[in-house]
N, C-alpha and C. Protein backbone atom coordinates (compact mmCIF):
# COMPACT_ATOMS: atom_id res chain seq x y z
N UNK A 1 20.96 46.43 9.95
CA UNK A 1 21.23 45.59 8.93
C UNK A 1 21.29 44.28 10.43
N UNK A 2 20.66 43.03 9.80
CA UNK A 2 20.69 42.00 11.03
C UNK A 2 21.70 41.32 10.28
N UNK A 3 22.65 40.90 11.88
CA UNK A 3 23.94 40.13 11.47
C UNK A 3 23.42 38.64 11.53
N UNK A 4 24.05 37.61 11.03
CA UNK A 4 23.77 36.50 11.63
C UNK A 4 24.50 36.02 12.98
N UNK A 5 24.04 34.93 13.37
CA UNK A 5 24.87 34.83 14.66
C UNK A 5 25.79 33.45 14.45
N UNK A 6 27.17 33.94 14.76
CA UNK A 6 27.81 33.05 14.58
C UNK A 6 27.51 31.69 15.71
N UNK A 7 27.80 30.53 15.00
CA UNK A 7 28.05 29.12 15.31
C UNK A 7 29.59 28.74 15.32
N UNK A 8 29.92 29.39 16.62
CA UNK A 8 31.22 29.30 16.84
C UNK A 8 31.66 28.76 18.14
N UNK A 9 32.40 27.79 17.97
CA UNK A 9 32.60 26.54 19.19
C UNK A 9 34.45 27.08 19.27
N UNK A 10 34.40 27.13 21.06
CA UNK A 10 36.07 27.28 21.53
C UNK A 10 36.01 25.50 21.81
N UNK A 11 37.25 24.88 21.27
CA UNK A 11 37.42 23.77 21.60
C UNK A 11 38.43 23.49 22.73
N UNK A 12 38.10 24.20 23.53
CA UNK A 12 39.37 24.34 24.80
C UNK A 12 39.05 24.54 26.32
N UNK A 13 39.40 23.91 26.96
CA UNK A 13 39.02 23.80 28.32
C UNK A 13 39.68 25.08 29.18
N UNK A 14 40.67 25.61 28.47
CA UNK A 14 41.23 26.87 29.22
C UNK A 14 40.93 27.83 29.18
N UNK A 15 40.68 28.79 30.76
CA UNK A 15 39.82 29.72 30.90
C UNK A 15 40.64 31.01 30.11
N UNK A 16 42.16 31.08 30.05
CA UNK A 16 42.57 32.34 29.19
C UNK A 16 42.40 32.43 27.91
N UNK A 17 42.31 30.78 27.27
CA UNK A 17 41.57 30.98 26.00
C UNK A 17 39.72 31.52 25.36
N UNK A 18 39.27 31.08 26.91
CA UNK A 18 38.13 31.73 27.02
C UNK A 18 37.87 33.15 26.50
N UNK A 19 39.16 33.63 27.96
CA UNK A 19 39.27 35.22 27.90
C UNK A 19 39.39 35.87 27.09
N UNK A 20 40.24 35.61 26.04
CA UNK A 20 41.08 36.03 25.47
C UNK A 20 40.37 36.00 23.82
N UNK A 21 39.71 34.77 23.76
CA UNK A 21 38.49 35.15 22.64
C UNK A 21 37.70 35.89 22.79
N UNK A 22 36.89 36.00 24.07
CA UNK A 22 35.83 37.39 24.46
C UNK A 22 36.29 38.67 24.31
N UNK A 23 37.46 38.72 24.03
CA UNK A 23 37.93 39.90 23.46
C UNK A 23 37.84 40.34 21.81
N UNK A 24 37.24 39.08 20.86
CA UNK A 24 36.85 39.63 19.68
C UNK A 24 35.75 39.11 18.99
N UNK A 25 34.63 38.37 20.43
CA UNK A 25 33.46 38.26 20.27
C UNK A 25 32.96 36.79 21.87
N UNK A 26 31.84 37.63 21.79
CA UNK A 26 30.88 37.00 22.87
C UNK A 26 30.23 35.92 22.54
N UNK A 27 29.77 36.02 21.15
CA UNK A 27 29.08 34.63 20.16
C UNK A 27 29.68 33.23 20.06
N UNK A 28 30.38 32.99 21.15
CA UNK A 28 30.72 31.59 21.07
C UNK A 28 30.07 30.49 22.03
N UNK A 29 30.26 29.19 21.91
CA UNK A 29 30.33 28.21 22.90
C UNK A 29 31.30 27.35 23.34
N UNK A 30 31.79 26.96 24.30
CA UNK A 30 32.86 26.18 24.71
C UNK A 30 32.56 24.19 24.68
N UNK A 31 32.99 23.82 24.38
CA UNK A 31 33.09 22.50 24.00
C UNK A 31 34.70 21.65 24.25
N UNK A 32 34.71 20.83 25.52
CA UNK A 32 36.20 20.53 25.78
C UNK A 32 36.56 19.52 24.81
N UNK A 33 37.74 19.15 23.83
CA UNK A 33 37.96 18.19 23.59
C UNK A 33 38.57 17.19 24.44
N UNK A 34 38.63 15.89 23.96
CA UNK A 34 39.38 14.87 24.63
C UNK A 34 39.88 13.83 23.96
N UNK A 35 41.39 14.65 23.57
CA UNK A 35 42.34 14.00 22.96
C UNK A 35 44.02 13.69 23.86
N UNK A 36 44.52 12.99 23.31
CA UNK A 36 45.58 12.56 23.71
C UNK A 36 46.65 13.57 23.14
N UNK A 37 47.69 13.97 23.66
CA UNK A 37 48.87 15.26 23.49
C UNK A 37 49.88 15.24 23.46
N UNK A 38 50.54 13.67 23.38
CA UNK A 38 51.78 13.22 23.01
C UNK A 38 52.55 13.49 22.14
N UNK A 39 53.96 13.65 21.86
CA UNK A 39 54.45 14.16 20.85
C UNK A 39 54.46 13.17 20.65
N UNK A 40 55.09 13.19 18.82
CA UNK A 40 55.75 11.79 17.81
C UNK A 40 57.21 12.39 18.28
N UNK A 41 57.61 11.13 18.13
CA UNK A 41 59.35 11.03 17.60
C UNK A 41 59.33 11.88 16.74
N UNK A 42 60.78 12.89 16.76
CA UNK A 42 61.10 13.97 15.80
C UNK A 42 59.98 14.80 15.30
N UNK A 43 59.20 15.27 16.51
CA UNK A 43 58.29 16.21 15.86
C UNK A 43 58.90 17.52 16.33
N UNK A 44 58.69 18.60 15.13
CA UNK A 44 59.18 20.16 15.59
C UNK A 44 58.27 20.73 16.18
N UNK A 45 58.27 21.68 17.01
CA UNK A 45 57.21 22.29 17.80
C UNK A 45 56.31 22.77 16.90
N UNK A 46 56.62 23.42 15.87
CA UNK A 46 55.36 23.56 14.80
C UNK A 46 54.19 22.90 14.06
N UNK A 47 55.32 21.68 13.96
CA UNK A 47 54.27 20.35 13.42
C UNK A 47 53.65 19.95 15.05
N UNK A 48 53.96 19.69 15.75
CA UNK A 48 53.35 19.48 16.81
C UNK A 48 51.93 20.28 17.17
N UNK A 49 51.88 21.68 17.36
CA UNK A 49 51.23 22.50 17.47
C UNK A 49 50.42 22.59 17.03
N UNK A 50 50.61 22.15 15.30
CA UNK A 50 49.49 22.52 14.22
C UNK A 50 48.52 20.90 14.23
N UNK A 51 49.54 20.29 14.27
CA UNK A 51 48.80 18.63 14.62
C UNK A 51 47.47 18.55 15.73
N UNK A 52 48.21 19.16 17.04
CA UNK A 52 47.34 18.53 18.03
C UNK A 52 46.08 20.09 18.13
N UNK A 53 46.33 21.30 17.32
CA UNK A 53 45.43 21.86 17.35
C UNK A 53 44.26 21.45 16.50
N UNK A 54 44.63 20.92 15.20
CA UNK A 54 44.04 20.09 14.87
C UNK A 54 43.13 19.13 15.03
N UNK A 55 43.43 18.37 15.60
CA UNK A 55 43.33 17.04 16.28
C UNK A 55 41.94 17.58 17.39
N UNK A 56 41.87 18.52 17.87
CA UNK A 56 41.51 19.38 18.95
C UNK A 56 40.19 19.66 18.10
N UNK A 57 40.28 20.24 17.06
CA UNK A 57 39.19 20.65 16.29
C UNK A 57 38.35 19.48 16.17
N UNK A 58 39.07 18.55 15.32
CA UNK A 58 38.48 17.12 14.23
C UNK A 58 37.70 16.38 15.57
N UNK A 59 38.08 16.07 16.87
CA UNK A 59 37.72 15.65 17.63
C UNK A 59 36.40 16.01 18.12
N UNK A 60 36.15 17.64 18.35
CA UNK A 60 34.86 18.45 18.98
C UNK A 60 33.73 18.01 17.30
N UNK A 61 34.33 18.62 15.99
CA UNK A 61 33.53 18.52 15.09
C UNK A 61 32.85 17.03 15.14
N UNK A 62 33.07 15.70 15.32
CA UNK A 62 32.36 15.02 15.14
C UNK A 62 31.10 15.04 15.81
N UNK A 63 30.84 15.60 17.09
CA UNK A 63 29.48 15.89 17.59
C UNK A 63 28.93 16.96 16.74
N UNK A 64 29.89 18.37 16.26
CA UNK A 64 29.24 19.66 16.13
C UNK A 64 29.65 19.76 14.41
N UNK A 65 29.32 18.81 13.24
CA UNK A 65 29.58 18.74 12.25
C UNK A 65 29.29 20.22 11.13
N UNK A 66 28.15 20.89 11.52
CA UNK A 66 28.00 22.28 11.18
C UNK A 66 28.29 23.67 11.97
N UNK A 67 29.39 23.45 12.75
CA UNK A 67 29.84 24.15 13.35
C UNK A 67 30.90 24.53 12.90
N UNK A 68 31.85 26.30 13.32
CA UNK A 68 32.94 26.49 13.10
C UNK A 68 33.91 26.17 14.37
N UNK A 69 34.56 26.08 13.94
CA UNK A 69 35.29 25.24 15.16
C UNK A 69 37.02 25.85 15.21
N UNK A 70 37.43 26.70 16.80
CA UNK A 70 38.58 27.17 17.07
C UNK A 70 39.36 26.54 18.00
N UNK A 71 40.50 25.79 18.24
CA UNK A 71 41.75 25.13 18.76
C UNK A 71 42.67 25.80 18.29
N UNK A 72 43.31 25.76 20.03
CA UNK A 72 44.86 26.21 19.76
C UNK A 72 45.57 24.91 20.33
N UNK A 73 46.92 25.18 20.55
CA UNK A 73 48.09 24.38 21.08
C UNK A 73 49.13 25.03 21.37
N UNK A 74 49.46 25.05 22.77
CA UNK A 74 50.53 25.98 22.95
C UNK A 74 51.85 24.93 23.38
N UNK A 75 53.20 25.75 23.48
CA UNK A 75 54.06 24.44 23.63
C UNK A 75 55.10 25.37 23.82
N UNK A 76 56.27 25.15 25.18
CA UNK A 76 57.35 26.18 25.10
C UNK A 76 58.77 25.39 24.24
N UNK A 77 59.46 26.03 23.88
CA UNK A 77 60.73 25.06 23.41
C UNK A 77 62.18 25.84 24.12
N UNK A 78 63.16 25.04 24.64
CA UNK A 78 64.34 25.82 24.86
C UNK A 78 65.39 24.55 24.52
N UNK A 79 66.83 25.02 24.10
CA UNK A 79 67.58 24.27 23.72
C UNK A 79 67.34 23.06 23.10
N UNK A 80 66.48 23.14 22.20
CA UNK A 80 65.68 21.82 21.34
C UNK A 80 64.73 20.85 21.79
N UNK A 81 64.60 21.39 23.08
CA UNK A 81 63.30 20.31 24.07
C UNK A 81 62.17 20.83 24.17
N UNK A 82 61.08 20.45 23.76
CA UNK A 82 59.83 20.94 24.17
C UNK A 82 59.28 20.43 25.59
N UNK A 83 58.92 21.61 25.79
CA UNK A 83 58.11 22.09 27.62
C UNK A 83 56.96 21.85 27.15
N UNK A 84 55.73 21.28 27.65
CA UNK A 84 54.49 20.96 27.81
C UNK A 84 54.11 21.65 29.05
N UNK A 85 53.06 20.86 29.58
CA UNK A 85 52.53 21.32 30.63
C UNK A 85 53.41 20.19 31.81
N UNK A 86 53.91 20.98 33.21
CA UNK A 86 55.05 20.12 34.04
C UNK A 86 53.74 18.69 34.61
N UNK A 87 54.50 17.94 34.53
CA UNK A 87 53.96 16.61 35.58
C UNK A 87 53.25 16.95 36.99
N UNK A 88 54.13 17.91 37.53
CA UNK A 88 54.43 18.32 39.13
C UNK A 88 55.10 19.29 39.05
N UNK A 89 55.04 19.56 40.83
CA UNK A 89 55.18 21.12 40.87
C UNK A 89 57.35 20.72 40.85
N UNK A 90 57.96 19.68 41.57
CA UNK A 90 59.35 19.22 40.89
C UNK A 90 59.44 19.52 39.31
N UNK A 91 59.06 19.02 38.81
CA UNK A 91 59.27 19.00 36.96
C UNK A 91 59.07 20.78 37.13
N UNK A 92 58.15 21.56 37.38
CA UNK A 92 57.68 22.86 37.24
C UNK A 92 58.82 23.99 37.56
N UNK A 93 59.64 23.23 38.65
CA UNK A 93 60.97 24.21 39.16
C UNK A 93 61.92 23.66 38.26
N UNK A 94 61.97 22.49 37.85
CA UNK A 94 63.32 21.95 36.79
C UNK A 94 63.23 22.97 35.49
N UNK A 95 61.63 23.32 34.98
CA UNK A 95 61.77 24.02 33.52
C UNK A 95 61.67 24.89 34.24
N UNK A 96 61.88 26.30 35.31
CA UNK A 96 62.06 27.06 35.47
C UNK A 96 63.30 27.49 35.62
N UNK A 97 64.08 26.40 36.41
CA UNK A 97 65.43 26.64 36.19
C UNK A 97 65.95 26.52 35.18
N UNK A 98 65.79 25.52 34.11
CA UNK A 98 66.07 25.57 32.81
C UNK A 98 66.02 27.09 32.09
N UNK A 99 64.94 27.73 32.11
CA UNK A 99 64.33 28.75 31.45
C UNK A 99 65.29 30.09 31.78
N UNK A 100 65.67 30.04 33.39
CA UNK A 100 66.33 30.91 34.22
C UNK A 100 67.08 31.92 33.31
N UNK A 101 67.03 33.03 33.02
CA UNK A 101 68.14 34.22 32.73
C UNK A 101 68.72 33.62 31.29
N UNK A 102 67.61 33.11 30.51
CA UNK A 102 67.67 32.36 29.09
C UNK A 102 66.30 32.93 28.53
N UNK A 103 66.65 32.84 26.51
CA UNK A 103 65.54 33.20 25.66
C UNK A 103 65.01 31.90 25.41
N UNK A 104 63.82 31.61 25.36
CA UNK A 104 63.05 30.31 25.30
C UNK A 104 61.79 30.81 23.78
N UNK A 105 61.28 29.99 23.45
CA UNK A 105 59.89 30.18 22.35
C UNK A 105 59.25 29.15 22.38
N UNK A 106 57.83 30.29 22.37
CA UNK A 106 56.69 29.80 22.60
C UNK A 106 55.82 29.59 21.20
N UNK A 107 55.28 28.71 20.71
CA UNK A 107 54.73 28.04 19.33
C UNK A 107 53.32 28.11 19.86
N UNK A 108 52.27 28.58 19.35
CA UNK A 108 51.36 28.13 19.68
C UNK A 108 50.68 28.27 17.87
N UNK A 109 49.52 27.07 17.76
CA UNK A 109 49.15 26.51 16.77
C UNK A 109 47.30 26.59 16.86
N UNK A 110 46.91 27.37 16.06
CA UNK A 110 45.72 27.51 15.95
C UNK A 110 45.24 26.87 14.48
N UNK A 111 43.82 27.07 14.97
CA UNK A 111 43.31 26.04 13.76
C UNK A 111 41.41 26.35 13.80
N UNK A 112 41.34 26.70 12.69
CA UNK A 112 39.53 26.97 12.10
C UNK A 112 39.15 26.14 11.53
N UNK A 113 38.27 25.62 11.95
CA UNK A 113 37.48 24.14 11.24
C UNK A 113 36.17 24.66 10.73
N UNK A 114 35.53 24.33 9.91
CA UNK A 114 34.64 24.55 9.21
C UNK A 114 34.25 23.23 8.42
N UNK A 115 33.38 22.35 8.65
CA UNK A 115 33.00 21.45 7.55
C UNK A 115 34.73 20.47 7.02
N UNK A 116 34.67 20.84 5.92
CA UNK A 116 36.20 20.47 5.43
C UNK A 116 37.32 21.17 4.78
N UNK A 117 37.19 22.25 5.43
CA UNK A 117 37.78 23.72 5.23
C UNK A 117 38.38 24.26 6.36
N UNK A 118 39.68 23.81 6.52
CA UNK A 118 40.80 24.06 7.62
C UNK A 118 41.72 25.01 7.39
N UNK A 119 41.91 26.08 8.42
CA UNK A 119 42.92 26.78 7.96
C UNK A 119 43.45 26.90 9.33
N UNK A 120 44.80 26.72 8.77
CA UNK A 120 45.85 27.20 10.44
C UNK A 120 47.12 28.03 10.31
N UNK A 121 47.18 28.34 11.26
CA UNK A 121 48.55 28.93 11.78
C UNK A 121 49.24 28.79 12.71
N UNK A 122 50.78 28.97 12.71
CA UNK A 122 51.46 28.84 13.90
C UNK A 122 52.53 30.35 13.92
N UNK A 123 51.96 30.39 15.57
CA UNK A 123 52.69 31.36 15.67
C UNK A 123 53.79 31.67 16.98
N UNK A 124 55.00 32.49 16.47
CA UNK A 124 56.50 32.08 16.91
C UNK A 124 56.51 33.30 18.18
N UNK A 125 57.06 33.18 19.21
CA UNK A 125 57.54 34.62 20.11
C UNK A 125 58.05 34.07 20.75
N UNK A 126 59.47 34.89 21.10
CA UNK A 126 60.08 34.62 22.01
C UNK A 126 60.11 35.20 23.12
N UNK A 127 60.81 34.84 24.25
CA UNK A 127 60.41 35.40 25.67
C UNK A 127 61.69 34.98 26.03
N UNK A 128 62.03 35.97 27.09
CA UNK A 128 63.63 36.05 27.57
C UNK A 128 63.03 35.84 29.07
N UNK A 129 63.71 35.34 30.40
CA UNK A 129 63.37 35.22 31.32
C UNK A 129 64.66 36.13 32.16
N UNK A 130 64.35 36.63 33.30
CA UNK A 130 65.60 37.80 33.99
C UNK A 130 66.30 36.51 34.63
N UNK A 131 67.09 36.94 35.26
CA UNK A 131 67.81 36.25 36.06
C UNK A 131 67.25 35.78 37.45
N UNK A 132 67.12 35.11 38.31
CA UNK A 132 66.23 35.11 39.39
C UNK A 132 67.21 33.86 40.35
N UNK A 133 67.11 33.89 41.81
CA UNK A 133 67.91 32.77 42.60
C UNK A 133 66.74 31.71 42.62
N UNK A 134 67.15 30.89 42.85
CA UNK A 134 66.66 29.41 42.62
C UNK A 134 65.54 29.08 43.84
N UNK A 135 65.43 30.09 44.78
CA UNK A 135 64.51 29.94 46.11
C UNK A 135 63.56 31.05 45.48
N UNK A 136 63.44 31.90 44.78
CA UNK A 136 62.52 32.53 44.21
C UNK A 136 61.54 31.73 43.11
N UNK A 137 62.32 31.38 42.25
CA UNK A 137 62.17 29.92 41.30
C UNK A 137 61.17 29.27 41.74
N UNK A 138 61.54 28.53 42.94
CA UNK A 138 61.10 27.23 43.73
C UNK A 138 59.97 27.54 44.30
N UNK A 139 59.83 28.99 45.07
CA UNK A 139 58.71 29.05 45.51
C UNK A 139 57.24 29.16 44.53
N UNK A 140 57.88 30.19 43.65
CA UNK A 140 56.47 30.00 42.02
C UNK A 140 55.99 29.03 41.76
N UNK A 141 57.19 28.14 41.35
CA UNK A 141 56.81 26.76 40.98
C UNK A 141 55.94 25.88 42.08
N UNK A 142 56.18 25.85 43.67
CA UNK A 142 55.48 25.05 44.38
C UNK A 142 53.80 26.43 44.39
N UNK A 143 54.12 27.28 43.79
CA UNK A 143 52.58 27.71 44.41
C UNK A 143 51.26 27.27 43.11
N UNK A 144 51.62 26.61 42.68
CA UNK A 144 51.15 26.03 41.78
C UNK A 144 50.58 26.65 40.67
N UNK A 145 50.69 27.55 39.94
CA UNK A 145 50.17 28.33 39.58
C UNK A 145 50.55 28.04 37.85
N UNK A 146 51.65 27.27 37.98
CA UNK A 146 52.12 26.91 36.25
C UNK A 146 51.85 26.03 36.06
N UNK A 147 50.92 25.01 37.12
CA UNK A 147 51.50 23.52 36.60
C UNK A 147 50.31 23.13 35.11
N UNK A 148 50.03 24.00 35.04
CA UNK A 148 48.56 23.63 33.66
C UNK A 148 49.04 24.70 32.60
N UNK A 149 49.99 24.73 32.52
CA UNK A 149 50.87 25.72 31.53
C UNK A 149 51.53 25.34 31.10
N UNK A 150 52.13 25.42 29.51
CA UNK A 150 53.28 25.22 29.22
C UNK A 150 54.38 26.19 29.53
N UNK A 151 55.30 24.85 29.99
CA UNK A 151 56.31 25.38 30.48
C UNK A 151 56.51 26.40 32.09
N UNK A 152 55.58 25.97 32.32
CA UNK A 152 55.48 26.04 33.87
C UNK A 152 55.50 27.73 34.44
N UNK A 153 54.63 28.54 33.54
CA UNK A 153 54.54 29.79 33.80
C UNK A 153 53.06 30.67 33.23
N UNK A 154 53.10 31.28 34.33
CA UNK A 154 51.85 32.18 33.75
C UNK A 154 51.79 33.24 33.77
N UNK A 155 51.93 33.82 32.52
CA UNK A 155 52.47 35.35 32.13
C UNK A 155 51.63 36.46 32.21
N UNK A 156 50.40 35.77 32.23
CA UNK A 156 49.25 36.64 32.58
C UNK A 156 48.85 36.65 34.48
N UNK A 157 49.64 35.99 34.69
CA UNK A 157 49.35 35.78 36.52
C UNK A 157 50.80 36.52 37.03
N UNK A 158 50.85 35.73 38.40
CA UNK A 158 52.31 36.29 39.12
C UNK A 158 53.63 35.72 38.17
N UNK A 159 53.62 35.23 37.41
CA UNK A 159 54.25 34.40 36.21
C UNK A 159 55.07 35.76 36.03
N UNK A 160 54.45 36.57 35.86
CA UNK A 160 54.83 37.99 34.85
C UNK A 160 55.82 38.32 35.13
N UNK A 161 56.62 38.05 36.51
CA UNK A 161 57.98 38.73 37.16
C UNK A 161 58.87 38.41 36.69
N UNK A 162 58.60 37.32 36.27
CA UNK A 162 59.59 36.19 35.47
C UNK A 162 60.46 36.69 34.24
N UNK A 163 59.50 37.54 33.41
CA UNK A 163 59.37 38.27 32.00
C UNK A 163 60.00 38.81 32.22
N UNK A 164 61.42 38.81 31.05
CA UNK A 164 62.02 40.48 30.95
C UNK A 164 61.61 41.02 29.46
N UNK A 165 61.38 40.33 28.70
CA UNK A 165 60.91 40.72 27.74
C UNK A 165 60.16 39.41 26.12
N UNK A 166 59.59 40.56 26.00
CA UNK A 166 58.57 39.51 24.86
C UNK A 166 59.49 40.09 23.62
N UNK A 167 59.54 39.16 22.07
CA UNK A 167 59.35 39.48 20.97
C UNK A 167 58.58 38.45 20.19
N UNK A 168 57.09 39.56 19.90
CA UNK A 168 56.42 38.64 19.41
C UNK A 168 55.10 38.93 19.97
N UNK A 169 54.06 37.78 19.50
CA UNK A 169 52.72 38.18 20.23
C UNK A 169 52.82 37.78 21.65
N UNK A 170 52.41 38.85 23.00
CA UNK A 170 52.11 38.17 24.08
C UNK A 170 50.70 37.46 24.22
N UNK A 171 49.69 37.87 23.48
CA UNK A 171 48.38 36.64 23.47
C UNK A 171 48.90 35.60 23.26
N UNK A 172 49.66 35.51 22.29
CA UNK A 172 50.25 34.00 21.56
C UNK A 172 50.89 33.50 23.14
N UNK A 173 51.37 34.20 24.01
CA UNK A 173 52.45 32.95 24.94
C UNK A 173 51.01 32.81 25.88
N UNK A 174 50.40 33.78 25.91
CA UNK A 174 48.90 33.10 26.74
C UNK A 174 47.99 31.82 26.43
N UNK A 175 48.12 31.95 25.12
CA UNK A 175 47.67 30.73 24.76
C UNK A 175 46.65 30.93 23.37
N UNK A 176 46.79 32.25 22.81
CA UNK A 176 45.69 32.44 21.99
C UNK A 176 45.99 33.89 21.02
N UNK A 177 46.59 33.69 19.71
CA UNK A 177 47.40 34.90 19.35
C UNK A 177 46.01 35.59 18.71
N UNK A 178 45.89 37.16 19.14
CA UNK A 178 44.53 37.47 18.58
C UNK A 178 44.64 37.98 17.69
N UNK A 179 45.26 38.65 16.79
CA UNK A 179 45.63 39.23 15.38
C UNK A 179 45.58 38.19 14.64
N UNK A 180 46.25 36.95 14.39
CA UNK A 180 45.72 35.85 13.68
C UNK A 180 44.76 35.09 13.96
N UNK A 181 44.13 35.05 15.07
CA UNK A 181 43.14 34.24 15.37
C UNK A 181 42.27 35.28 14.81
N UNK A 182 41.97 37.03 14.38
CA UNK A 182 41.13 37.34 13.66
C UNK A 182 40.83 37.06 12.47
N UNK A 183 41.83 36.91 12.07
CA UNK A 183 42.87 36.96 10.64
C UNK A 183 41.59 35.32 9.87
N UNK A 184 42.00 34.44 10.86
CA UNK A 184 41.40 32.90 10.61
C UNK A 184 40.28 33.37 11.03
N UNK A 185 39.16 33.58 11.94
CA UNK A 185 37.56 33.60 12.19
C UNK A 185 37.16 34.57 10.86
N UNK A 186 37.49 36.12 10.58
CA UNK A 186 36.96 36.11 9.47
C UNK A 186 36.96 35.26 8.44
N UNK A 187 38.30 34.89 7.84
CA UNK A 187 38.19 33.91 6.60
C UNK A 187 37.69 32.79 6.47
N UNK A 188 36.93 32.78 7.54
CA UNK A 188 35.37 31.61 7.66
C UNK A 188 34.37 32.07 7.82
N UNK A 189 33.87 33.83 8.10
CA UNK A 189 33.24 34.05 7.79
C UNK A 189 32.50 34.49 9.05
N UNK A 190 33.41 34.50 9.95
CA UNK A 190 32.62 34.19 11.58
C UNK A 190 32.92 35.96 11.78
N UNK A 191 32.15 36.48 12.44
CA UNK A 191 31.79 37.77 12.74
C UNK A 191 32.45 38.20 13.97
N UNK A 192 33.36 39.20 14.32
CA UNK A 192 34.06 39.75 15.45
C UNK A 192 33.85 41.10 15.63
N UNK A 193 34.18 41.73 16.71
CA UNK A 193 33.60 43.11 16.91
C UNK A 193 32.52 43.02 16.59
N UNK A 194 31.14 43.22 16.98
CA UNK A 194 30.02 43.35 17.21
C UNK A 194 29.71 42.58 15.21
N UNK A 195 29.93 41.70 15.43
CA UNK A 195 29.62 41.34 13.82
C UNK A 195 30.40 41.27 13.19
N UNK A 196 31.77 42.73 12.69
CA UNK A 196 32.13 42.86 11.55
C UNK A 196 32.56 41.55 10.97
N UNK A 197 32.57 41.11 9.90
CA UNK A 197 32.62 40.25 9.12
C UNK A 197 34.07 40.25 8.05
N UNK A 198 34.32 41.41 7.91
CA UNK A 198 35.65 41.68 6.98
C UNK A 198 36.10 43.46 7.48
């Protein structure tokens, strides 16, 4: 049986999302969206990640109107505060001190857009950090690994040592929840795992 090639675009410059999506399919290309990711007043984490994931997909769709576009956005929240990517190592250190020995939540919004057909999901995961000396947190913050990550840590890298437990999707914490992503792709007719479409 001949399978149609996916006309799938990953709207992201994240190497982590690229690697995660490649576990589902190798049949995609990457287009990096140019979007503003500011937070609106009184915006909830769920609303934020859903809005930004759609905004990224729409930005790419302008130049690729017939493609299926997958996009995602991830934020960390603790004590009512939304933590995006730190601006510098000092802010990364402040984020890590805040999260140290506490449970925080990671929200990832995903969007699959095909013409006017929009499918979205938000995945919420609880992550608990262990209790570490500030010197260890500072060393990690100044390593630079977490500077392009929501919450200032990379669970798939050296930052894994910080995490005592996860309740929910580990791949969502990295940036792309694979179970939910596969559901949305299949619902839009995109083949995964050797072209399977349902």
